[in-house]
N, C-alpha and C. Protein backbone atom coordinates (compact mmCIF):
# COMPACT_ATOMS: atom_id res chain seq x y z
N MET A 1 0.84 -1.17 0.00
CA MET A 1 0.00 0.00 0.00
C MET A 1 0.89 1.24 0.00
N TYR A 2 0.53 2.20 -0.80
CA TYR A 2 1.27 3.44 -0.91
C TYR A 2 0.54 4.55 -0.16
N PRO A 3 1.29 5.55 0.32
CA PRO A 3 0.64 6.69 0.97
C PRO A 3 -0.30 7.41 0.00
N VAL A 4 -1.38 7.92 0.53
CA VAL A 4 -2.36 8.67 -0.24
C VAL A 4 -2.38 10.10 0.28
N GLN A 5 -2.34 11.07 -0.64
CA GLN A 5 -2.40 12.46 -0.21
C GLN A 5 -3.79 12.75 0.33
N TRP A 6 -3.84 13.13 1.59
CA TRP A 6 -5.10 13.38 2.26
C TRP A 6 -5.45 14.86 2.23
N ALA A 7 -4.43 15.70 2.31
CA ALA A 7 -4.65 17.15 2.29
C ALA A 7 -3.37 17.81 1.80
N LYS A 8 -3.50 19.01 1.27
CA LYS A 8 -2.35 19.81 0.90
C LYS A 8 -2.44 21.11 1.67
N LEU A 9 -1.46 21.33 2.55
CA LEU A 9 -1.44 22.52 3.39
C LEU A 9 -0.30 23.41 2.91
N ASP A 10 -0.58 24.66 2.63
CA ASP A 10 0.41 25.57 2.07
C ASP A 10 1.12 26.33 3.19
N ASN A 11 2.36 25.92 3.46
CA ASN A 11 3.17 26.57 4.48
C ASN A 11 4.03 27.70 3.92
N GLY A 12 3.85 28.05 2.68
CA GLY A 12 4.65 29.11 2.08
C GLY A 12 5.92 28.55 1.47
N THR A 13 6.97 29.36 1.39
CA THR A 13 8.19 28.97 0.71
C THR A 13 9.22 28.31 1.62
N ASP A 14 9.09 28.44 2.94
CA ASP A 14 10.04 27.82 3.87
C ASP A 14 9.79 26.32 3.97
N ALA A 15 10.86 25.57 4.14
CA ALA A 15 10.76 24.12 4.28
C ALA A 15 10.23 23.74 5.66
N VAL A 16 9.45 22.66 5.71
CA VAL A 16 9.00 22.09 6.98
C VAL A 16 10.13 21.19 7.49
N LEU A 17 10.62 21.45 8.71
CA LEU A 17 11.74 20.70 9.28
C LEU A 17 11.33 19.74 10.39
N SER A 18 10.19 20.00 11.03
CA SER A 18 9.73 19.14 12.12
C SER A 18 8.21 19.17 12.19
N LEU A 19 7.65 18.07 12.71
CA LEU A 19 6.20 17.93 12.81
C LEU A 19 5.82 17.35 14.17
N ALA A 20 4.66 17.74 14.66
CA ALA A 20 4.06 17.13 15.84
C ALA A 20 2.55 17.19 15.66
N VAL A 21 1.86 16.20 16.20
CA VAL A 21 0.39 16.16 16.12
C VAL A 21 -0.16 15.94 17.51
N GLU A 22 -1.18 16.71 17.86
CA GLU A 22 -1.94 16.47 19.09
C GLU A 22 -3.40 16.72 18.77
N GLY A 23 -4.22 15.69 18.91
CA GLY A 23 -5.63 15.81 18.57
C GLY A 23 -5.78 16.21 17.12
N PRO A 24 -6.62 17.22 16.83
CA PRO A 24 -6.83 17.63 15.44
C PRO A 24 -5.80 18.63 14.93
N LEU A 25 -4.77 18.95 15.75
CA LEU A 25 -3.82 19.98 15.37
C LEU A 25 -2.49 19.40 14.90
N LEU A 26 -1.98 19.97 13.80
CA LEU A 26 -0.67 19.64 13.25
C LEU A 26 0.24 20.84 13.46
N TYR A 27 1.39 20.62 14.09
CA TYR A 27 2.37 21.66 14.36
C TYR A 27 3.53 21.47 13.40
N CYS A 28 3.86 22.50 12.61
CA CYS A 28 4.93 22.43 11.61
C CYS A 28 6.04 23.41 11.98
N GLY A 29 7.24 22.87 12.28
CA GLY A 29 8.41 23.71 12.53
C GLY A 29 9.08 24.05 11.22
N MET A 30 9.30 25.32 10.99
CA MET A 30 9.73 25.79 9.68
C MET A 30 11.18 26.27 9.67
N ALA A 31 11.82 26.15 8.50
CA ALA A 31 13.10 26.83 8.28
C ALA A 31 12.81 28.32 8.43
N GLY A 32 13.67 29.03 9.08
CA GLY A 32 13.43 30.45 9.32
C GLY A 32 12.80 30.72 10.67
N GLY A 33 12.36 29.67 11.39
CA GLY A 33 11.91 29.83 12.77
C GLY A 33 10.43 29.90 13.00
N GLY A 34 9.61 29.81 11.98
CA GLY A 34 8.16 29.87 12.18
C GLY A 34 7.59 28.55 12.70
N LEU A 35 6.51 28.66 13.43
CA LEU A 35 5.73 27.49 13.87
C LEU A 35 4.32 27.69 13.35
N ASN A 36 3.91 26.86 12.39
CA ASN A 36 2.57 26.93 11.82
C ASN A 36 1.71 25.85 12.45
N ILE A 37 0.53 26.23 12.90
CA ILE A 37 -0.39 25.29 13.53
C ILE A 37 -1.63 25.17 12.65
N TRP A 38 -1.92 23.93 12.24
CA TRP A 38 -3.03 23.63 11.33
C TRP A 38 -4.09 22.80 12.02
N ASN A 39 -5.35 23.06 11.70
CA ASN A 39 -6.45 22.20 12.10
C ASN A 39 -6.63 21.18 10.98
N LEU A 40 -6.41 19.90 11.32
CA LEU A 40 -6.48 18.86 10.29
C LEU A 40 -7.91 18.56 9.85
N ASP A 41 -8.89 18.90 10.68
CA ASP A 41 -10.29 18.67 10.29
C ASP A 41 -10.73 19.67 9.22
N SER A 42 -10.35 20.95 9.39
CA SER A 42 -10.79 21.99 8.46
C SER A 42 -9.74 22.32 7.40
N HIS A 43 -8.50 21.82 7.56
CA HIS A 43 -7.37 22.12 6.67
C HIS A 43 -7.05 23.61 6.66
N GLN A 44 -7.28 24.28 7.78
CA GLN A 44 -7.03 25.72 7.90
C GLN A 44 -5.90 25.96 8.89
N MET A 45 -5.02 26.94 8.59
CA MET A 45 -4.01 27.34 9.56
C MET A 45 -4.71 28.14 10.65
N VAL A 46 -4.50 27.77 11.90
CA VAL A 46 -5.15 28.46 13.00
C VAL A 46 -4.23 29.45 13.70
N LYS A 47 -2.91 29.26 13.54
CA LYS A 47 -1.98 30.19 14.18
C LYS A 47 -0.61 30.06 13.54
N GLN A 48 0.10 31.18 13.50
CA GLN A 48 1.49 31.19 13.05
C GLN A 48 2.29 31.96 14.09
N ILE A 49 3.32 31.31 14.64
CA ILE A 49 4.15 31.91 15.68
C ILE A 49 5.55 32.10 15.10
N THR A 50 6.11 33.29 15.29
CA THR A 50 7.42 33.60 14.70
C THR A 50 8.41 34.05 15.77
N ASP A 51 8.42 33.39 16.93
CA ASP A 51 9.32 33.78 18.02
C ASP A 51 10.77 33.33 17.83
N HIS A 52 11.00 32.27 17.09
CA HIS A 52 12.36 31.76 16.89
C HIS A 52 13.06 32.52 15.79
N GLN A 53 14.38 32.63 15.91
CA GLN A 53 15.17 33.26 14.86
C GLN A 53 15.94 32.23 14.04
N GLY A 54 16.20 31.05 14.62
CA GLY A 54 16.88 29.98 13.90
C GLY A 54 15.86 28.97 13.39
N ASP A 55 16.31 28.09 12.52
CA ASP A 55 15.44 27.04 11.98
C ASP A 55 14.85 26.21 13.12
N LEU A 56 13.58 25.87 13.03
CA LEU A 56 12.86 25.16 14.09
C LEU A 56 12.99 23.65 13.86
N TRP A 57 13.97 23.03 14.53
CA TRP A 57 14.32 21.64 14.29
C TRP A 57 13.52 20.66 15.12
N SER A 58 12.95 21.09 16.24
CA SER A 58 12.23 20.12 17.07
C SER A 58 10.98 20.74 17.69
N ILE A 59 9.94 19.90 17.79
CA ILE A 59 8.67 20.30 18.40
C ILE A 59 8.14 19.12 19.19
N ASP A 60 7.61 19.41 20.37
CA ASP A 60 6.84 18.42 21.12
C ASP A 60 5.63 19.17 21.66
N VAL A 61 4.52 18.48 21.78
CA VAL A 61 3.30 19.11 22.30
C VAL A 61 2.83 18.28 23.48
N ILE A 62 2.66 18.94 24.62
CA ILE A 62 2.22 18.27 25.84
C ILE A 62 1.02 19.04 26.38
N LYS A 63 -0.14 18.38 26.34
CA LYS A 63 -1.39 18.97 26.83
C LYS A 63 -1.65 20.36 26.23
N GLY A 64 -1.44 20.47 24.92
CA GLY A 64 -1.74 21.72 24.22
C GLY A 64 -0.65 22.77 24.27
N ILE A 65 0.47 22.47 24.92
CA ILE A 65 1.58 23.42 25.00
C ILE A 65 2.70 22.93 24.08
N ALA A 66 3.06 23.77 23.11
CA ALA A 66 4.13 23.43 22.17
C ALA A 66 5.47 23.82 22.76
N ILE A 67 6.41 22.88 22.74
CA ILE A 67 7.78 23.11 23.19
C ILE A 67 8.65 22.93 21.96
N SER A 68 9.47 23.92 21.65
CA SER A 68 10.23 23.87 20.41
C SER A 68 11.68 24.25 20.65
N GLY A 69 12.55 23.76 19.77
CA GLY A 69 13.97 24.08 19.82
C GLY A 69 14.46 24.47 18.45
N ASP A 70 15.28 25.53 18.41
CA ASP A 70 15.76 26.00 17.11
C ASP A 70 17.26 25.75 16.92
N SER A 71 17.74 26.06 15.74
CA SER A 71 19.14 25.81 15.38
C SER A 71 20.12 26.71 16.13
N ASN A 72 19.64 27.70 16.84
CA ASN A 72 20.49 28.57 17.66
C ASN A 72 20.59 28.04 19.10
N GLY A 73 19.93 26.88 19.35
CA GLY A 73 20.00 26.29 20.68
C GLY A 73 18.99 26.86 21.66
N ARG A 74 18.01 27.59 21.17
CA ARG A 74 17.00 28.18 22.05
C ARG A 74 15.73 27.33 22.07
N SER A 75 15.16 27.22 23.25
CA SER A 75 13.88 26.53 23.43
C SER A 75 12.84 27.54 23.87
N ARG A 76 11.60 27.26 23.51
CA ARG A 76 10.48 28.13 23.93
C ARG A 76 9.31 27.26 24.29
C-alpha cells in the first residue's frame, strides 16, 4: 500500500523541518523559525508563531503546550 495524499497545506516557501500532532492539530516547525499550527479537520491554519530566529528543528506538544527548539539552541 502506498501513501495517499489526504490534504495539501500551504506553508509558504520555507521548508518544513519538524512535525508534531496532538488531537486535530498539526504543528509544523519551519526553516526560518516559524511554527505553523493547522487544524487537520478543516485544513485551515489556526496560528502562526514567529518567536524563533533559527530554523525550528524540534517540536513536542504536551497537553496543548508546544515546546520547540531552534538551530540557535533556544527553546520556547
